[in-house]
Amino acid sequence: MRQVPLMMAAGLLAGALAGTPAEAKSCFKKAAVGDALTQDLAKFQVDAMLLQSTDWSIYFTYISSGTTPGYTFGKRSYQCAPGSVGWECRGSATLCKL
């Protein structure tokens, strides 16, 4: 029974680390899914989710200005198809913290 609290602690730690900002000069690959009425909006939603899962402050900056100061937001790749309500895009990108 001692394994259950240990597994819960490991899960909490993983969740806490997933939402922390990236360390300086580090690069990492992220993936996300976006759903929207148009393909362009679904791609924008993918980009926003990639940044939201990286750093909330850069997410808000991107949403308001379309820029990512302090990060390089490399070439994104998307796979889009018609979805149940418009378009669904799956995308990934490599981001680097400067």
Protein backbone atom coordinates (compact mmCIF):
# COMPACT_ATOMS: atom_id res chain seq x y z
CA MET A 1 0.00 0.00 0.00
CA ARG A 2 3.00 2.30 0.37
CA GLN A 3 3.25 2.46 -3.43
CA VAL A 4 -0.03 4.39 -3.80
CA PRO A 5 1.17 7.56 -1.96
CA LEU A 6 4.49 7.34 -3.81
CA MET A 7 2.70 7.10 -7.16
CA MET A 8 0.45 10.04 -6.21
CA ALA A 9 3.49 12.14 -5.27
CA ALA A 10 5.19 11.30 -8.57
CA GLY A 11 2.04 12.29 -10.47
CA LEU A 12 1.78 15.61 -8.62
CA LEU A 13 5.44 16.37 -9.33
CA ALA A 14 5.02 15.58 -13.02
CA GLY A 15 1.97 17.83 -13.19
CA ALA A 16 3.79 20.67 -11.45
CA LEU A 17 6.80 20.43 -13.77
CA ALA A 18 4.63 20.33 -16.89
CA GLY A 19 3.40 23.86 -16.23
CA THR A 20 6.72 25.49 -15.35
CA PRO A 21 8.44 27.88 -17.76
CA ALA A 22 11.31 26.50 -19.82
CA GLU A 23 14.89 26.94 -18.67
CA ALA A 24 17.03 29.47 -20.54
CA LYS A 25 18.82 28.25 -23.68
CA SER A 26 16.84 25.02 -23.81
CA CYS A 27 14.91 23.64 -26.78
CA PHE A 28 12.00 21.26 -26.64
CA LYS A 29 9.37 19.82 -28.95
CA LYS A 30 5.67 20.25 -28.19
CA ALA A 31 2.47 18.99 -29.82
CA ALA A 32 -1.15 20.16 -29.59
CA VAL A 33 -4.56 19.85 -31.20
CA GLY A 34 -6.78 22.73 -32.32
CA ASP A 35 -10.43 22.74 -33.39
CA ALA A 36 -12.10 25.73 -35.07
CA LEU A 37 -14.51 26.74 -37.81
CA THR A 38 -11.71 27.45 -40.31
CA GLN A 39 -8.39 25.74 -40.98
CA ASP A 40 -6.43 28.95 -40.28
CA LEU A 41 -8.12 29.40 -36.91
CA ALA A 42 -7.49 25.75 -36.02
CA LYS A 43 -3.77 26.25 -36.79
CA PHE A 44 -3.75 29.43 -34.68
CA GLN A 45 -5.33 27.46 -31.85
CA VAL A 46 -2.59 24.82 -32.15
CA ASP A 47 0.06 27.55 -31.90
CA ALA A 48 -1.66 29.08 -28.87
CA MET A 49 -1.90 25.71 -27.11
CA LEU A 50 1.78 24.97 -27.80
CA LEU A 51 2.70 28.24 -26.10
CA GLN A 52 0.17 27.88 -23.28
CA SER A 53 1.71 24.55 -22.31
CA THR A 54 5.15 26.20 -22.34
CA ASP A 55 4.71 29.50 -20.48
CA TRP A 56 1.48 31.37 -19.68
CA SER A 57 3.09 34.79 -20.11
CA ILE A 58 4.30 34.00 -23.63
CA TYR A 59 0.86 32.58 -24.44
CA PHE A 60 -0.85 35.87 -23.50
CA THR A 61 1.74 37.86 -25.46
CA TYR A 62 1.21 35.70 -28.55
CA ILE A 63 -2.58 35.97 -28.31
CA SER A 64 -2.44 39.76 -28.04
CA SER A 65 0.42 40.61 -30.43
CA GLY A 66 1.40 37.49 -32.39
CA THR A 67 4.97 37.67 -31.04
CA THR A 68 7.00 35.36 -28.80
CA PRO A 69 9.70 37.50 -27.13
CA GLY A 70 12.24 35.40 -25.27
CA TYR A 71 11.45 32.31 -27.34
CA THR A 72 12.12 31.12 -30.83
CA PHE A 73 9.01 29.46 -32.21
CA GLY A 74 10.37 27.24 -34.94
CA LYS A 75 8.66 25.98 -38.05
CA ARG A 76 5.36 24.38 -37.20
CA SER A 77 3.99 21.30 -38.89
CA TYR A 78 0.26 20.65 -39.10
CA GLN A 79 -1.99 17.81 -40.15
CA CYS A 80 -5.50 19.16 -40.71
CA ALA A 81 -8.75 17.52 -41.68
CA PRO A 82 -12.41 18.43 -41.60
CA GLY A 83 -13.76 17.82 -38.12
CA SER A 84 -17.18 17.57 -36.56
CA VAL A 85 -17.46 21.38 -36.30
CA GLY A 86 -15.13 22.86 -38.92
CA TRP A 87 -11.50 21.80 -38.86
CA GLU A 88 -9.24 19.80 -36.56
CA CYS A 89 -5.49 20.37 -36.79
CA ARG A 90 -2.75 18.46 -35.03
CA GLY A 91 0.52 20.30 -34.91
CA SER A 92 3.98 20.31 -33.43
CA ALA A 93 6.90 22.70 -33.15
CA THR A 94 10.30 23.08 -31.59
CA LEU A 95 10.54 26.00 -29.18
CA CYS A 96 13.71 27.39 -27.65
CA LYS A 97 13.98 29.61 -24.58
CA LEU A 98 16.54 32.36 -25.27
